[in-house]
């Protein structure tokens, strides 16, 4: 996966996780809230991987 793809998918996961977490809080569904928080964390990690790939590529160039 390219660094751009990682960053885009990471941002999308963060956004979806935020929505899911908020919806879970709104309806009182703790499981949905926790899954949203986990998805948000996954997105942050994925975005970080994309940024790391960029840094490695810049160092090589």
N, C-alpha and C. Protein backbone atom coordinates (compact mmCIF):
# COMPACT_ATOMS: atom_id res chain seq x y z
N UNK A 1 0.85 -1.17 0.00
CA UNK A 1 0.00 0.00 0.00
C UNK A 1 0.89 1.24 0.00
N UNK A 2 0.51 2.23 -0.77
CA UNK A 2 1.31 3.45 -0.82
C UNK A 2 1.08 4.31 0.41
N UNK A 3 1.98 5.24 0.62
CA UNK A 3 1.85 6.12 1.79
C UNK A 3 0.59 6.96 1.71
N UNK A 4 0.25 7.40 0.51
CA UNK A 4 -0.96 8.20 0.33
C UNK A 4 -2.21 7.38 0.65
N UNK A 5 -2.23 6.16 0.19
CA UNK A 5 -3.36 5.27 0.46
C UNK A 5 -3.51 5.03 1.96
N UNK A 6 -2.39 4.79 2.63
CA UNK A 6 -2.43 4.59 4.09
C UNK A 6 -2.99 5.82 4.78
N UNK A 7 -2.54 6.99 4.38
CA UNK A 7 -2.99 8.22 5.03
C UNK A 7 -4.48 8.46 4.77
N UNK A 8 -4.94 8.20 3.55
CA UNK A 8 -6.36 8.40 3.22
C UNK A 8 -7.23 7.41 3.99
N UNK A 9 -6.84 6.14 3.97
CA UNK A 9 -7.63 5.13 4.70
C UNK A 9 -7.60 5.39 6.20
N UNK A 10 -6.47 5.86 6.69
CA UNK A 10 -6.37 6.20 8.11
C UNK A 10 -7.32 7.32 8.49
N UNK A 11 -7.35 8.36 7.66
CA UNK A 11 -8.26 9.48 7.92
C UNK A 11 -9.71 9.04 7.85
N UNK A 12 -10.02 8.17 6.90
CA UNK A 12 -11.39 7.67 6.76
C UNK A 12 -11.79 6.84 7.98
N UNK A 13 -10.88 6.00 8.46
CA UNK A 13 -11.17 5.20 9.66
C UNK A 13 -11.35 6.08 10.89
N UNK A 14 -10.56 7.13 10.98
CA UNK A 14 -10.71 8.04 12.11
C UNK A 14 -12.07 8.72 12.08
N UNK A 15 -12.47 9.18 10.90
CA UNK A 15 -13.77 9.85 10.76
C UNK A 15 -14.92 8.89 11.07
N UNK A 16 -14.86 7.71 10.49
CA UNK A 16 -15.92 6.72 10.72
C UNK A 16 -15.97 6.31 12.20
N UNK A 17 -14.80 6.16 12.80
CA UNK A 17 -14.75 5.80 14.22
C UNK A 17 -15.34 6.88 15.11
N UNK A 18 -15.08 8.13 14.76
CA UNK A 18 -15.63 9.25 15.52
C UNK A 18 -17.16 9.24 15.45
N UNK A 19 -17.68 9.02 14.25
CA UNK A 19 -19.14 8.98 14.06
C UNK A 19 -19.74 7.81 14.83
N UNK A 20 -19.10 6.65 14.71
CA UNK A 20 -19.61 5.45 15.38
C UNK A 20 -19.57 5.62 16.90
N UNK A 21 -18.48 6.19 17.39
CA UNK A 21 -18.35 6.42 18.83
C UNK A 21 -19.42 7.40 19.32
N UNK A 22 -19.63 8.46 18.57
CA UNK A 22 -20.66 9.44 18.94
C UNK A 22 -22.06 8.86 18.90
N UNK A 23 -22.32 8.04 17.90
CA UNK A 23 -23.64 7.40 17.80
C UNK A 23 -23.86 6.45 18.98
N UNK A 24 -22.81 5.72 19.34
CA UNK A 24 -22.91 4.82 20.47
C UNK A 24 -23.21 5.56 21.77
N UNK A 25 -22.55 6.71 21.95
CA UNK A 25 -22.82 7.53 23.14
C UNK A 25 -24.25 8.04 23.12
N UNK A 26 -24.70 8.49 21.94
CA UNK A 26 -26.03 9.08 21.82
C UNK A 26 -27.15 8.09 22.16
N UNK A 27 -26.98 6.85 21.74
CA UNK A 27 -28.03 5.87 21.98
C UNK A 27 -27.76 5.00 23.20
N UNK A 28 -26.64 5.24 23.85
CA UNK A 28 -26.33 4.47 25.06
C UNK A 28 -25.84 3.06 24.77
N UNK A 29 -25.24 2.86 23.59
CA UNK A 29 -24.73 1.55 23.21
C UNK A 29 -23.23 1.52 23.46
N UNK A 30 -22.82 0.98 24.58
CA UNK A 30 -21.41 0.97 24.98
C UNK A 30 -20.55 0.19 23.99
N UNK A 31 -21.06 -0.91 23.46
CA UNK A 31 -20.29 -1.72 22.51
C UNK A 31 -19.97 -0.92 21.25
N UNK A 32 -20.96 -0.20 20.72
CA UNK A 32 -20.75 0.61 19.54
C UNK A 32 -19.74 1.73 19.83
N UNK A 33 -19.84 2.30 21.00
CA UNK A 33 -18.93 3.37 21.42
C UNK A 33 -17.49 2.86 21.47
N UNK A 34 -17.29 1.68 22.04
CA UNK A 34 -15.96 1.09 22.16
C UNK A 34 -15.41 0.73 20.78
N UNK A 35 -16.26 0.15 19.92
CA UNK A 35 -15.82 -0.19 18.57
C UNK A 35 -15.44 1.07 17.78
N UNK A 36 -16.16 2.14 17.99
CA UNK A 36 -15.83 3.40 17.34
C UNK A 36 -14.49 3.94 17.79
N UNK A 37 -14.22 3.86 19.09
CA UNK A 37 -12.94 4.31 19.62
C UNK A 37 -11.80 3.46 19.07
N UNK A 38 -12.03 2.16 18.94
CA UNK A 38 -11.02 1.26 18.39
C UNK A 38 -10.75 1.58 16.92
N UNK A 39 -11.80 1.85 16.17
CA UNK A 39 -11.65 2.18 14.76
C UNK A 39 -10.88 3.50 14.60
N UNK A 40 -11.16 4.44 15.48
CA UNK A 40 -10.46 5.72 15.47
C UNK A 40 -8.96 5.49 15.73
N UNK A 41 -8.64 4.65 16.69
CA UNK A 41 -7.25 4.34 17.01
C UNK A 41 -6.56 3.66 15.84
N UNK A 42 -7.27 2.74 15.20
CA UNK A 42 -6.72 2.05 14.03
C UNK A 42 -6.39 3.06 12.93
N UNK A 43 -7.27 4.03 12.75
CA UNK A 43 -7.04 5.06 11.74
C UNK A 43 -5.82 5.91 12.04
N UNK A 44 -5.62 6.23 13.31
CA UNK A 44 -4.44 7.02 13.69
C UNK A 44 -3.16 6.24 13.41
N UNK A 45 -3.18 4.97 13.71
CA UNK A 45 -2.01 4.12 13.46
C UNK A 45 -1.75 4.02 11.96
N UNK A 46 -2.80 3.80 11.20
CA UNK A 46 -2.68 3.66 9.75
C UNK A 46 -2.14 4.95 9.13
N UNK A 47 -2.63 6.08 9.60
CA UNK A 47 -2.14 7.36 9.10
C UNK A 47 -0.66 7.54 9.46
N UNK A 48 -0.29 7.11 10.64
CA UNK A 48 1.11 7.18 11.08
C UNK A 48 2.02 6.33 10.21
N UNK A 49 1.52 5.17 9.79
CA UNK A 49 2.29 4.30 8.90
C UNK A 49 2.55 5.02 7.58
N UNK A 50 1.53 5.69 7.06
CA UNK A 50 1.69 6.44 5.82
C UNK A 50 2.72 7.55 5.96
N UNK A 51 2.70 8.24 7.08
CA UNK A 51 3.67 9.32 7.32
C UNK A 51 5.07 8.74 7.46
N UNK A 52 5.19 7.59 8.10
CA UNK A 52 6.50 6.95 8.25
C UNK A 52 7.05 6.54 6.89
N UNK A 53 6.19 6.02 6.03
CA UNK A 53 6.62 5.65 4.68
C UNK A 53 7.14 6.87 3.93
N UNK A 54 6.45 8.00 4.08
CA UNK A 54 6.91 9.23 3.45
C UNK A 54 8.29 9.63 3.95
N UNK A 55 8.49 9.53 5.26
CA UNK A 55 9.77 9.91 5.85
C UNK A 55 10.89 9.02 5.34
N UNK A 56 10.63 7.73 5.24
CA UNK A 56 11.65 6.79 4.74
C UNK A 56 11.96 7.11 3.27
N UNK A 57 10.93 7.36 2.51
CA UNK A 57 11.12 7.66 1.09
C UNK A 57 11.95 8.94 0.91
N UNK A 58 11.67 9.97 1.72
CA UNK A 58 12.42 11.22 1.64
C UNK A 58 13.88 11.00 2.04
N UNK A 59 14.10 10.15 3.03
CA UNK A 59 15.46 9.88 3.49
C UNK A 59 16.26 9.14 2.41
N UNK A 60 15.59 8.28 1.68
CA UNK A 60 16.26 7.51 0.62
C UNK A 60 16.56 8.41 -0.58
N UNK A 61 15.62 9.29 -0.90
CA UNK A 61 15.81 10.19 -2.05
C UNK A 61 16.84 11.21 -1.68
